[in-house]
Amino acid sequence: MSSAIDDGGFWHAVAAASHLADIAAIISIPLFLVGIFFLPPSIRESFVFETANPTVQAAYGSHFVHRQQFHLLGNLSVYLLVVPITYLLCLLGGRRQLFWITFTVLLTLFPIVLSVMQLLFPRHRSILGFSGINAGFFGFLCVAWVLYAGQRFIGSTSIRYAPAIPLLLTGVIALITLPDRAWRLEIAAASIMLGSLYVLLWITNTENLSNNRIRAGLTRFGFAELAGAGFGLLVSYPFVGFRSVVTARSGVLDVYIHLLGYSLAFIVVFVYVTVVEQ
């Protein structure tokens, strides 16, 4: 993003770089989910993915179907937090194209992939709800945040150390969800230690790191707050997406699809940026 746009302040930068079509596309998804919710129950049920009787139509459509209002409102709330924040991070980090490529992939290919992966479980399962796609946006947020923070506060667009965030969060997720018999503490400790090593390497190997640049970034209204909002969302996700201790019978599906969507989206975006853009 040019310094001229930057010099106008946060809201000027957003207005200069954004498009009405962007806002319309982002808002269209909640409207679509609400519209699906008010379809006759028989039609909605036809889109629920049953692992015992899978169809391509249900494999895609099930991720946009909700049976309970609370389930729908929860997913809408998460979407309306993570997607706009991710969009702004990409927009002000000069990665608007990356946002729309990932946005399109998450809404077109990911539903099929997430449903097919459920077939690995032998037990019959019903798959529905947008949380798996929301998890994918959180995986994307990891990359978007690192790119934005690096450019804004460090002067580097390198994505090399982005795995620090999912590694640290995976450690927290392990502590929240895994039982003691599953080596919970050991997995969490290993993941957090690897993530911390990435952070240390990122700091020590950054040539352009300076207190003046960081201070300048922190004192400009809006830009630091955006970074803080994105980081806050990332830190809170383990407690939102994996908030309860689950059992194999009632809840492993949700934990699995959340972790799958989150991890797979991060890997896809990380590899794409590493190979294509760096």
Protein backbone atom coordinates (compact mmCIF):
# COMPACT_ATOMS: atom_id res chain seq x y z
CA MET A 1 0.00 0.00 0.00
CA SER A 2 1.37 3.40 -0.91
CA SER A 3 2.57 5.79 1.77
CA ALA A 4 0.25 8.46 0.37
CA ILE A 5 -2.76 6.35 1.21
CA ASP A 6 -1.22 5.44 4.56
CA ASP A 7 -0.62 9.06 5.48
CA GLY A 8 -4.33 9.83 5.36
CA GLY A 9 -4.98 7.73 8.42
CA PHE A 10 -6.65 4.41 9.09
CA TRP A 11 -10.14 5.11 7.76
CA HIS A 12 -8.80 6.88 4.69
CA ALA A 13 -6.61 3.86 3.93
CA VAL A 14 -9.58 1.52 4.29
CA ALA A 15 -11.81 3.68 2.08
CA ALA A 16 -9.11 4.07 -0.57
CA ALA A 17 -8.32 0.36 -0.83
CA SER A 18 -11.74 -1.24 -0.36
CA HIS A 19 -14.59 -1.70 -2.83
CA LEU A 20 -18.35 -1.82 -2.33
CA ALA A 21 -18.34 -5.19 -4.08
CA ASP A 22 -16.09 -6.52 -1.31
CA ILE A 23 -18.55 -5.53 1.38
CA ALA A 24 -21.47 -6.92 -0.59
CA ALA A 25 -19.75 -10.27 -1.07
CA ILE A 26 -18.82 -10.57 2.61
CA ILE A 27 -22.34 -9.70 3.76
CA SER A 28 -23.95 -12.05 1.23
CA ILE A 29 -22.81 -15.14 3.15
CA PRO A 30 -24.73 -14.37 6.39
CA LEU A 31 -27.77 -13.48 4.30
CA PHE A 32 -27.46 -16.78 2.47
CA LEU A 33 -27.17 -18.73 5.73
CA VAL A 34 -30.27 -17.01 7.12
CA GLY A 35 -32.15 -17.70 3.89
CA ILE A 36 -31.27 -21.40 4.06
CA PHE A 37 -32.40 -21.52 7.70
CA PHE A 38 -35.90 -20.34 6.75
CA LEU A 39 -36.37 -22.96 4.04
CA PRO A 40 -38.94 -25.67 4.79
CA PRO A 41 -37.43 -28.29 7.15
CA SER A 42 -37.80 -31.04 4.55
CA ILE A 43 -35.64 -29.13 2.09
CA ARG A 44 -33.05 -28.28 4.71
CA GLU A 45 -32.82 -31.91 5.82
CA SER A 46 -32.16 -33.02 2.25
CA PHE A 47 -28.86 -31.11 2.41
CA VAL A 48 -27.63 -32.69 5.66
CA PHE A 49 -24.63 -34.88 4.95
CA GLU A 50 -25.10 -38.42 6.25
CA THR A 51 -21.90 -40.44 6.25
CA ALA A 52 -23.91 -43.64 5.87
CA ASN A 53 -25.49 -42.33 2.67
CA PRO A 54 -23.24 -39.59 1.25
CA THR A 55 -24.18 -37.49 -1.77
CA VAL A 56 -22.27 -34.72 -3.53
CA GLN A 57 -25.16 -32.30 -3.04
CA ALA A 58 -25.22 -32.85 0.71
CA ALA A 59 -21.42 -32.89 0.97
CA TYR A 60 -21.42 -29.28 -0.14
CA GLY A 61 -24.76 -27.96 1.11
CA SER A 62 -24.59 -29.37 4.65
CA HIS A 63 -22.12 -26.68 5.72
CA PHE A 64 -24.72 -24.00 5.12
CA VAL A 65 -27.54 -25.76 6.99
CA HIS A 66 -28.49 -25.20 10.65
CA ARG A 67 -31.31 -26.86 12.56
CA GLN A 68 -31.33 -24.65 15.64
CA GLN A 69 -31.42 -20.86 15.81
CA PHE A 70 -28.70 -20.83 18.48
CA HIS A 71 -26.37 -22.80 16.19
CA LEU A 72 -26.98 -20.37 13.34
CA LEU A 73 -26.49 -17.26 15.50
CA GLY A 74 -23.27 -18.63 16.92
CA ASN A 75 -21.80 -19.26 13.49
CA LEU A 76 -22.99 -15.90 12.20
CA SER A 77 -21.37 -14.13 15.15
CA VAL A 78 -18.05 -15.85 14.55
CA TYR A 79 -18.16 -15.15 10.81
CA LEU A 80 -18.95 -11.46 11.33
CA LEU A 81 -15.90 -11.15 13.57
CA VAL A 82 -13.24 -13.20 11.83
CA VAL A 83 -13.97 -12.43 8.17
CA PRO A 84 -14.08 -8.59 8.34
CA ILE A 85 -10.95 -8.53 10.51
CA THR A 86 -9.13 -10.86 8.12
CA TYR A 87 -10.31 -8.75 5.18
CA LEU A 88 -8.98 -5.55 6.76
CA LEU A 89 -5.64 -7.16 7.58
CA CYS A 90 -5.28 -8.28 3.98
CA LEU A 91 -6.55 -4.97 2.61
CA LEU A 92 -4.16 -2.79 4.61
CA GLY A 93 -1.35 -5.27 4.12
CA GLY A 94 -1.65 -5.06 0.35
CA ARG A 95 -3.09 -8.60 0.06
CA ARG A 96 -6.62 -7.98 -1.17
CA GLN A 97 -6.20 -10.54 -3.98
CA LEU A 98 -5.03 -13.16 -1.49
CA PHE A 99 -8.17 -12.57 0.56
CA TRP A 100 -10.49 -13.15 -2.38
CA ILE A 101 -8.66 -16.21 -3.62
CA THR A 102 -8.83 -17.77 -0.16
CA PHE A 103 -12.41 -16.61 0.42
CA THR A 104 -13.47 -18.31 -2.82
CA VAL A 105 -11.62 -21.53 -2.05
CA LEU A 106 -13.04 -21.75 1.46
CA LEU A 107 -16.60 -21.36 0.20
CA THR A 108 -16.36 -23.57 -2.87
CA LEU A 109 -13.86 -26.38 -2.31
CA PHE A 110 -13.58 -26.65 1.46
CA PRO A 111 -17.17 -27.82 2.10
CA ILE A 112 -16.60 -30.86 -0.11
CA VAL A 113 -13.18 -31.60 1.39
CA LEU A 114 -14.42 -31.33 4.98
CA SER A 115 -17.37 -33.61 4.28
CA VAL A 116 -15.28 -36.23 2.51
CA MET A 117 -12.85 -36.31 5.42
CA GLN A 118 -15.72 -37.31 7.71
CA LEU A 119 -15.94 -40.60 5.83
CA LEU A 120 -12.75 -41.70 7.60
CA PHE A 121 -14.90 -42.37 10.67
CA PRO A 122 -16.69 -45.74 10.55
CA ARG A 123 -19.55 -44.62 12.79
CA HIS A 124 -22.61 -43.00 11.21
CA ARG A 125 -22.54 -39.22 11.47
CA SER A 126 -24.68 -36.28 10.41
CA ILE A 127 -22.69 -33.26 9.27
CA LEU A 128 -24.14 -29.75 9.21
CA GLY A 129 -23.25 -26.20 10.14
CA PHE A 130 -20.86 -23.46 9.06
CA SER A 131 -18.32 -23.88 11.87
CA GLY A 132 -15.89 -25.88 9.75
CA ILE A 133 -15.70 -23.03 7.23
CA ASN A 134 -15.35 -20.52 10.05
CA ALA A 135 -12.44 -22.60 11.33
CA GLY A 136 -10.87 -22.27 7.89
CA PHE A 137 -11.10 -18.49 8.14
CA PHE A 138 -9.25 -18.66 11.46
CA GLY A 139 -6.50 -20.65 9.75
CA PHE A 140 -6.35 -17.95 7.09
CA LEU A 141 -6.30 -15.29 9.81
CA CYS A 142 -3.02 -16.75 11.12
CA VAL A 143 -1.33 -15.99 7.80
CA ALA A 144 -3.04 -12.62 7.29
CA TRP A 145 -2.02 -11.45 10.76
CA VAL A 146 1.64 -12.39 10.32
CA LEU A 147 1.81 -10.67 6.91
CA TYR A 148 0.14 -7.52 8.24
CA ALA A 149 2.14 -7.33 11.48
CA GLY A 150 5.38 -8.01 9.67
CA GLN A 151 4.80 -5.30 7.10
CA ARG A 152 3.32 -2.76 9.49
CA PHE A 153 5.61 -3.07 12.50
CA ILE A 154 8.74 -4.87 11.33
CA GLY A 155 9.16 -3.93 7.69
CA SER A 156 9.16 -7.53 6.44
CA THR A 157 6.60 -9.47 4.41
CA SER A 158 8.20 -12.87 5.08
CA ILE A 159 5.78 -15.62 5.99
CA ARG A 160 8.50 -18.06 7.05
CA TYR A 161 7.66 -17.91 10.74
CA ALA A 162 3.86 -17.96 10.45
CA PRO A 163 3.62 -21.57 11.79
CA ALA A 164 4.35 -20.09 15.22
CA ILE A 165 0.70 -19.15 15.68
CA PRO A 166 -0.98 -22.49 14.84
CA LEU A 167 1.66 -24.34 16.83
CA LEU A 168 1.06 -22.23 19.93
CA LEU A 169 -2.71 -22.47 19.55
CA THR A 170 -2.59 -26.21 18.93
CA GLY A 171 -0.87 -26.57 22.27
CA VAL A 172 -3.71 -24.70 23.94
CA ILE A 173 -6.27 -26.77 22.04
CA ALA A 174 -4.61 -29.97 23.25
CA LEU A 175 -4.86 -28.78 26.85
CA ILE A 176 -8.54 -27.96 26.40
CA THR A 177 -9.75 -31.01 24.52
CA LEU A 178 -7.51 -34.02 25.03
CA PRO A 179 -7.91 -36.41 27.98
CA ASP A 180 -4.88 -37.20 30.13
CA ARG A 181 -4.57 -40.67 28.63
CA ALA A 182 -3.87 -39.11 25.21
CA TRP A 183 -0.55 -37.55 26.29
CA ARG A 184 -2.28 -34.20 26.66
CA LEU A 185 0.48 -32.38 28.56
CA GLU A 186 3.26 -33.81 26.42
CA ILE A 187 1.57 -32.85 23.13
CA ALA A 188 0.72 -29.38 24.43
CA ALA A 189 4.26 -28.78 25.73
CA ALA A 190 5.90 -29.92 22.48
CA SER A 191 3.58 -27.78 20.37
CA ILE A 192 4.02 -24.68 22.53
CA MET A 193 7.81 -25.11 22.63
CA LEU A 194 8.00 -25.37 18.83
CA GLY A 195 5.77 -22.32 18.45
CA SER A 196 7.89 -20.36 20.91
CA LEU A 197 11.03 -21.33 18.97
CA TYR A 198 9.47 -19.95 15.78
CA VAL A 199 8.71 -16.67 17.57
CA LEU A 200 12.26 -16.43 18.88
CA LEU A 201 13.71 -17.11 15.44
CA TRP A 202 11.36 -14.55 13.89
CA ILE A 203 12.55 -11.86 16.29
CA THR A 204 16.26 -12.66 16.15
CA ASN A 205 16.39 -13.06 12.35
CA THR A 206 14.49 -9.91 11.46
CA GLU A 207 17.00 -7.46 10.01
CA ASN A 208 14.70 -4.44 9.91
CA LEU A 209 13.45 -4.71 13.48
CA SER A 210 13.71 -1.34 15.21
CA ASN A 211 12.06 0.26 18.21
CA ASN A 212 11.31 3.38 16.19
CA ARG A 213 9.35 1.49 13.55
CA ILE A 214 7.41 -0.49 16.13
CA ARG A 215 6.70 2.66 18.13
CA ALA A 216 5.53 4.49 15.00
CA GLY A 217 3.20 1.64 14.12
CA LEU A 218 1.74 1.45 17.60
CA THR A 219 1.02 5.16 17.87
CA ARG A 220 -1.04 5.46 14.69
CA PHE A 221 -4.74 5.12 15.42
CA GLY A 222 -6.46 2.12 13.92
CA PHE A 223 -3.49 0.18 12.58
CA ALA A 224 -2.29 -1.14 15.93
CA GLU A 225 -5.87 -1.69 17.10
CA LEU A 226 -6.53 -3.82 14.02
CA ALA A 227 -3.50 -5.95 14.79
CA GLY A 228 -4.69 -6.26 18.39
CA ALA A 229 -8.18 -7.30 17.29
CA GLY A 230 -6.78 -9.96 14.99
CA PHE A 231 -4.47 -11.30 17.67
CA GLY A 232 -7.30 -11.30 20.19
CA LEU A 233 -9.45 -13.39 17.86
CA LEU A 234 -6.65 -15.89 17.35
CA VAL A 235 -6.01 -16.26 21.06
CA SER A 236 -9.72 -16.68 21.82
CA TYR A 237 -10.42 -19.26 19.11
CA PRO A 238 -9.29 -22.34 21.09
CA PHE A 239 -11.75 -21.39 23.84
CA VAL A 240 -14.58 -20.81 21.34
CA GLY A 241 -14.08 -23.66 18.90
CA PHE A 242 -12.88 -26.22 21.45
CA ARG A 243 -14.51 -24.90 24.59
CA SER A 244 -15.86 -28.12 26.12
CA VAL A 245 -14.42 -31.49 26.96
CA VAL A 246 -15.95 -33.82 24.41
CA THR A 247 -16.67 -37.51 24.24
CA ALA A 248 -16.23 -39.80 21.27
CA ARG A 249 -19.97 -40.25 21.02
CA SER A 250 -21.26 -36.70 21.17
CA GLY A 251 -18.59 -34.21 20.30
CA VAL A 252 -15.52 -35.51 18.55
CA LEU A 253 -17.01 -34.58 15.21
CA ASP A 254 -17.12 -30.88 16.04
CA VAL A 255 -13.58 -30.85 17.41
CA TYR A 256 -12.33 -32.80 14.42
CA ILE A 257 -13.94 -30.57 11.81
CA HIS A 258 -12.82 -27.41 13.60
CA LEU A 259 -9.21 -28.61 13.82
CA LEU A 260 -9.30 -29.90 10.25
CA GLY A 261 -10.72 -26.69 8.81
CA TYR A 262 -8.33 -24.54 10.82
CA SER A 263 -5.19 -26.55 10.06
CA LEU A 264 -5.96 -27.29 6.43
CA ALA A 265 -6.74 -23.66 5.61
CA PHE A 266 -3.53 -22.49 7.24
CA ILE A 267 -1.47 -25.05 5.32
CA VAL A 268 -3.08 -24.22 1.98
CA VAL A 269 -2.66 -20.45 2.35
CA PHE A 270 0.83 -20.77 3.82
CA VAL A 271 2.02 -22.96 0.94
CA TYR A 272 0.34 -20.72 -1.65
CA VAL A 273 1.98 -17.55 -0.33
CA THR A 274 5.34 -19.27 0.09
CA VAL A 275 5.38 -20.70 -3.44
CA VAL A 276 3.56 -18.03 -5.45
CA GLU A 277 4.03 -14.70 -3.72
CA GLN A 278 7.36 -14.84 -1.92
